[in-house]
Each structure stands twice: as structure tokens, then as C-alpha cells.
Amino acid sequence: MRPPAAPTIAIVPALYWLRSVMAALAGFVAVLVLALLADQLLRSLGLPPPAAQLTPELGRQALAAWLRAGCLLLGGLLARAALARRA
């Protein structure tokens, strides 16, 4: 009689799961910090209006949106690099 075959489903170790969560957290923190720095840069240049006022020009809104999208991209790349480096 042969021993039973090994299960076909791979069991992912808990350590890999923890590394994935930590990489995602690092990406989130990077996005948060980069977005805050980008907003402060825009405020120091005088581009957005004071707080609690609407931005009348579409160009300023588009600039802020593109800067935040760039922050998201950089944070995602950081999370991907952190996960690839640890794996």
C-alpha cells in the first residue's frame, strides 16, 4: 500500500502573509507622506486657495490631482519593491 499523495494545494506560510501586509502598510504610509508633502509644496507656491475655499480654476485642480496620482504610483511601486525584496 502506497502512502497518500501530498496535497495539491500549496500552503502559504503565515510569514509570507505578514510580509505582504507590511509591504502594503509601507506603501500606504509612503502615499500618505508623499501626498502631504505635495500639498505643502503646492501651498508654499501659492497655487491652492486657503483652506475651506473652492478652487475656481480647473488647471489647479488638475495639477493637484496629477500630483496625488503620482504619489499613489510611487507608493505602489514602493510596496511592490518591498514585497519583491523580502520574498
N, C-alpha and C. Protein backbone atom coordinates (compact mmCIF):
# COMPACT_ATOMS: atom_id res chain seq x y z
N MET A 1 0.83 -1.17 0.00
CA MET A 1 0.00 0.00 0.00
C MET A 1 0.89 1.25 0.00
N ARG A 2 0.55 2.22 -0.89
CA ARG A 2 1.34 3.44 -1.00
C ARG A 2 0.86 4.48 0.01
N PRO A 3 1.77 5.35 0.44
CA PRO A 3 1.34 6.44 1.33
C PRO A 3 0.50 7.43 0.53
N PRO A 4 -0.35 8.18 1.20
CA PRO A 4 -1.19 9.15 0.49
C PRO A 4 -0.34 10.23 -0.18
N ALA A 5 -0.82 10.70 -1.30
CA ALA A 5 -0.10 11.74 -2.05
C ALA A 5 -0.17 13.07 -1.30
N ALA A 6 0.81 13.88 -1.55
CA ALA A 6 0.84 15.20 -0.91
C ALA A 6 -0.31 16.04 -1.45
N PRO A 7 -0.85 16.91 -0.63
CA PRO A 7 -1.95 17.76 -1.12
C PRO A 7 -1.48 18.65 -2.27
N THR A 8 -2.37 18.91 -3.19
CA THR A 8 -2.01 19.73 -4.35
C THR A 8 -2.11 21.22 -4.06
N ILE A 9 -2.77 21.58 -3.01
CA ILE A 9 -2.90 22.99 -2.67
C ILE A 9 -1.69 23.41 -1.85
N ALA A 10 -0.99 24.42 -2.32
CA ALA A 10 0.18 24.90 -1.60
C ALA A 10 -0.27 25.72 -0.40
N ILE A 11 0.35 25.48 0.70
CA ILE A 11 0.03 26.23 1.92
C ILE A 11 1.01 27.39 2.03
N VAL A 12 0.45 28.59 2.03
CA VAL A 12 1.28 29.79 2.11
C VAL A 12 1.63 30.02 3.58
N PRO A 13 2.90 30.13 3.88
CA PRO A 13 3.27 30.33 5.28
C PRO A 13 2.74 31.66 5.81
N ALA A 14 2.50 31.69 7.10
CA ALA A 14 1.99 32.90 7.74
C ALA A 14 2.99 34.04 7.64
N LEU A 15 4.26 33.71 7.59
CA LEU A 15 5.28 34.75 7.50
C LEU A 15 5.17 35.51 6.18
N TYR A 16 4.88 34.82 5.09
CA TYR A 16 4.71 35.50 3.80
C TYR A 16 3.50 36.41 3.85
N TRP A 17 2.43 35.98 4.50
CA TRP A 17 1.24 36.82 4.63
C TRP A 17 1.56 38.08 5.41
N LEU A 18 2.33 37.93 6.49
CA LEU A 18 2.71 39.08 7.31
C LEU A 18 3.58 40.04 6.49
N ARG A 19 4.48 39.51 5.68
CA ARG A 19 5.31 40.36 4.83
C ARG A 19 4.46 41.12 3.81
N SER A 20 3.45 40.48 3.30
CA SER A 20 2.55 41.14 2.35
C SER A 20 1.82 42.29 3.01
N VAL A 21 1.34 42.06 4.22
CA VAL A 21 0.63 43.12 4.94
C VAL A 21 1.57 44.27 5.26
N MET A 22 2.78 43.96 5.66
CA MET A 22 3.75 45.01 5.98
C MET A 22 4.14 45.81 4.72
N ALA A 23 4.25 45.15 3.58
CA ALA A 23 4.56 45.86 2.33
C ALA A 23 3.41 46.78 1.94
N ALA A 24 2.18 46.32 2.11
CA ALA A 24 1.02 47.17 1.82
C ALA A 24 0.97 48.36 2.77
N LEU A 25 1.28 48.13 4.03
CA LEU A 25 1.29 49.22 5.01
C LEU A 25 2.38 50.23 4.67
N ALA A 26 3.54 49.75 4.26
CA ALA A 26 4.62 50.66 3.86
C ALA A 26 4.22 51.50 2.65
N GLY A 27 3.53 50.88 1.70
CA GLY A 27 3.05 51.63 0.54
C GLY A 27 2.03 52.68 0.93
N PHE A 28 1.13 52.33 1.86
CA PHE A 28 0.12 53.29 2.32
C PHE A 28 0.77 54.48 3.02
N VAL A 29 1.74 54.21 3.87
CA VAL A 29 2.43 55.29 4.58
C VAL A 29 3.19 56.16 3.58
N ALA A 30 3.81 55.55 2.59
CA ALA A 30 4.53 56.32 1.58
C ALA A 30 3.59 57.23 0.80
N VAL A 31 2.42 56.71 0.44
CA VAL A 31 1.44 57.54 -0.29
C VAL A 31 0.98 58.69 0.59
N LEU A 32 0.71 58.42 1.84
CA LEU A 32 0.26 59.47 2.75
C LEU A 32 1.31 60.57 2.91
N VAL A 33 2.54 60.17 3.14
CA VAL A 33 3.61 61.16 3.33
C VAL A 33 3.86 61.94 2.05
N LEU A 34 3.92 61.27 0.91
CA LEU A 34 4.16 61.97 -0.35
C LEU A 34 3.02 62.93 -0.70
N ALA A 35 1.79 62.52 -0.44
CA ALA A 35 0.65 63.40 -0.74
C ALA A 35 0.67 64.64 0.15
N LEU A 36 1.00 64.45 1.43
CA LEU A 36 1.08 65.61 2.33
C LEU A 36 2.21 66.55 1.92
N LEU A 37 3.34 65.98 1.52
CA LEU A 37 4.44 66.83 1.06
C LEU A 37 4.09 67.56 -0.24
N ALA A 38 3.39 66.89 -1.14
CA ALA A 38 2.97 67.54 -2.39
C ALA A 38 2.00 68.68 -2.11
N ASP A 39 1.06 68.46 -1.18
CA ASP A 39 0.12 69.53 -0.82
C ASP A 39 0.84 70.72 -0.19
N GLN A 40 1.83 70.44 0.66
CA GLN A 40 2.57 71.54 1.27
C GLN A 40 3.40 72.29 0.22
N LEU A 41 3.93 71.56 -0.75
CA LEU A 41 4.67 72.21 -1.83
C LEU A 41 3.76 73.13 -2.62
N LEU A 42 2.56 72.65 -2.94
CA LEU A 42 1.62 73.49 -3.67
C LEU A 42 1.22 74.72 -2.86
N ARG A 43 1.01 74.52 -1.57
CA ARG A 43 0.64 75.66 -0.71
C ARG A 43 1.78 76.67 -0.61
N SER A 44 3.01 76.19 -0.55
CA SER A 44 4.14 77.12 -0.46
C SER A 44 4.31 77.91 -1.76
N LEU A 45 3.89 77.32 -2.89
CA LEU A 45 3.94 78.04 -4.16
C LEU A 45 2.73 78.95 -4.35
N GLY A 46 1.74 78.85 -3.46
CA GLY A 46 0.56 79.69 -3.54
C GLY A 46 -0.44 79.25 -4.58
N LEU A 47 -0.41 77.99 -4.98
CA LEU A 47 -1.33 77.53 -6.02
C LEU A 47 -2.74 77.27 -5.51
N PRO A 48 -2.95 76.54 -4.43
CA PRO A 48 -4.34 76.35 -4.00
C PRO A 48 -4.81 77.54 -3.16
N PRO A 49 -6.10 77.76 -3.11
CA PRO A 49 -6.62 78.84 -2.25
C PRO A 49 -6.52 78.42 -0.79
N PRO A 50 -6.78 79.34 0.13
CA PRO A 50 -6.78 78.98 1.55
C PRO A 50 -7.79 77.86 1.84
N ALA A 51 -7.62 77.23 2.98
CA ALA A 51 -8.48 76.11 3.35
C ALA A 51 -9.95 76.54 3.41
N ALA A 52 -10.82 75.61 3.11
CA ALA A 52 -12.28 75.78 3.15
C ALA A 52 -12.78 76.73 2.06
N GLN A 53 -12.02 76.91 0.99
CA GLN A 53 -12.47 77.69 -0.15
C GLN A 53 -12.34 76.83 -1.40
N LEU A 54 -13.23 77.04 -2.33
CA LEU A 54 -13.21 76.26 -3.57
C LEU A 54 -12.11 76.75 -4.50
N THR A 55 -11.57 75.83 -5.29
CA THR A 55 -10.58 76.19 -6.31
C THR A 55 -11.32 76.51 -7.60
N PRO A 56 -11.28 77.76 -8.05
CA PRO A 56 -12.07 78.13 -9.22
C PRO A 56 -11.50 77.63 -10.54
N GLU A 57 -10.19 77.52 -10.66
CA GLU A 57 -9.59 77.14 -11.94
C GLU A 57 -9.44 75.62 -12.03
N LEU A 58 -9.76 75.11 -13.20
CA LEU A 58 -9.64 73.68 -13.42
C LEU A 58 -8.18 73.25 -13.50
N GLY A 59 -7.32 74.12 -13.97
CA GLY A 59 -5.90 73.79 -14.10
C GLY A 59 -5.25 73.48 -12.76
N ARG A 60 -5.59 74.25 -11.75
CA ARG A 60 -5.03 73.99 -10.42
C ARG A 60 -5.54 72.68 -9.85
N GLN A 61 -6.80 72.39 -10.09
CA GLN A 61 -7.36 71.11 -9.63
C GLN A 61 -6.69 69.95 -10.35
N ALA A 62 -6.45 70.11 -11.64
CA ALA A 62 -5.80 69.05 -12.41
C ALA A 62 -4.36 68.84 -11.94
N LEU A 63 -3.66 69.92 -11.65
CA LEU A 63 -2.29 69.80 -11.16
C LEU A 63 -2.25 69.04 -9.83
N ALA A 64 -3.14 69.38 -8.92
CA ALA A 64 -3.19 68.68 -7.64
C ALA A 64 -3.56 67.21 -7.83
N ALA A 65 -4.48 66.93 -8.73
CA ALA A 65 -4.89 65.54 -8.98
C ALA A 65 -3.73 64.75 -9.58
N TRP A 66 -2.98 65.33 -10.50
CA TRP A 66 -1.85 64.63 -11.10
C TRP A 66 -0.74 64.40 -10.08
N LEU A 67 -0.52 65.37 -9.20
CA LEU A 67 0.49 65.16 -8.16
C LEU A 67 0.09 64.04 -7.22
N ARG A 68 -1.18 63.98 -6.85
CA ARG A 68 -1.63 62.90 -5.96
C ARG A 68 -1.60 61.55 -6.68
N ALA A 69 -1.89 61.54 -7.97
CA ALA A 69 -1.80 60.29 -8.72
C ALA A 69 -0.34 59.82 -8.79
N GLY A 70 0.58 60.75 -8.94
CA GLY A 70 1.99 60.39 -8.92
C GLY A 70 2.41 59.84 -7.56
N CYS A 71 1.86 60.41 -6.50
CA CYS A 71 2.14 59.89 -5.15
C CYS A 71 1.62 58.47 -5.01
N LEU A 72 0.44 58.21 -5.54
CA LEU A 72 -0.12 56.85 -5.49
C LEU A 72 0.76 55.87 -6.27
N LEU A 73 1.22 56.29 -7.42
CA LEU A 73 2.07 55.43 -8.23
C LEU A 73 3.38 55.11 -7.51
N LEU A 74 4.01 56.12 -6.94
CA LEU A 74 5.26 55.89 -6.22
C LEU A 74 5.05 55.00 -4.99
N GLY A 75 3.95 55.19 -4.27
CA GLY A 75 3.67 54.34 -3.12
C GLY A 75 3.43 52.90 -3.52
N GLY A 76 2.73 52.69 -4.63
CA GLY A 76 2.51 51.34 -5.12
C GLY A 76 3.79 50.67 -5.56
N LEU A 77 4.66 51.44 -6.21
CA LEU A 77 5.95 50.88 -6.62
C LEU A 77 6.81 50.54 -5.41
N LEU A 78 6.73 51.36 -4.37
CA LEU A 78 7.47 51.06 -3.15
C LEU A 78 6.97 49.78 -2.50
N ALA A 79 5.66 49.62 -2.43
CA ALA A 79 5.09 48.40 -1.84
C ALA A 79 5.48 47.18 -2.65
N ARG A 80 5.46 47.29 -3.97
CA ARG A 80 5.84 46.16 -4.82
C ARG A 80 7.31 45.81 -4.63
N ALA A 81 8.15 46.83 -4.56
CA ALA A 81 9.57 46.58 -4.35
C ALA A 81 9.84 45.97 -2.97
N ALA A 82 9.12 46.44 -1.96
CA ALA A 82 9.30 45.88 -0.62
C ALA A 82 8.88 44.42 -0.57
N LEU A 83 7.82 44.08 -1.25
CA LEU A 83 7.36 42.69 -1.25
C LEU A 83 8.29 41.80 -2.06
N ALA A 84 8.80 42.30 -3.18
CA ALA A 84 9.70 41.51 -4.01
C ALA A 84 11.04 41.30 -3.33
N ARG A 85 11.48 42.31 -2.59
CA ARG A 85 12.78 42.21 -1.93
C ARG A 85 12.75 41.19 -0.81
N ARG A 86 11.64 41.10 -0.12
CA ARG A 86 11.54 40.20 1.03
C ARG A 86 11.20 38.77 0.64
N ALA A 87 10.63 38.60 -0.54
CA ALA A 87 10.18 37.24 -0.91
C ALA A 87 11.33 36.34 -1.27
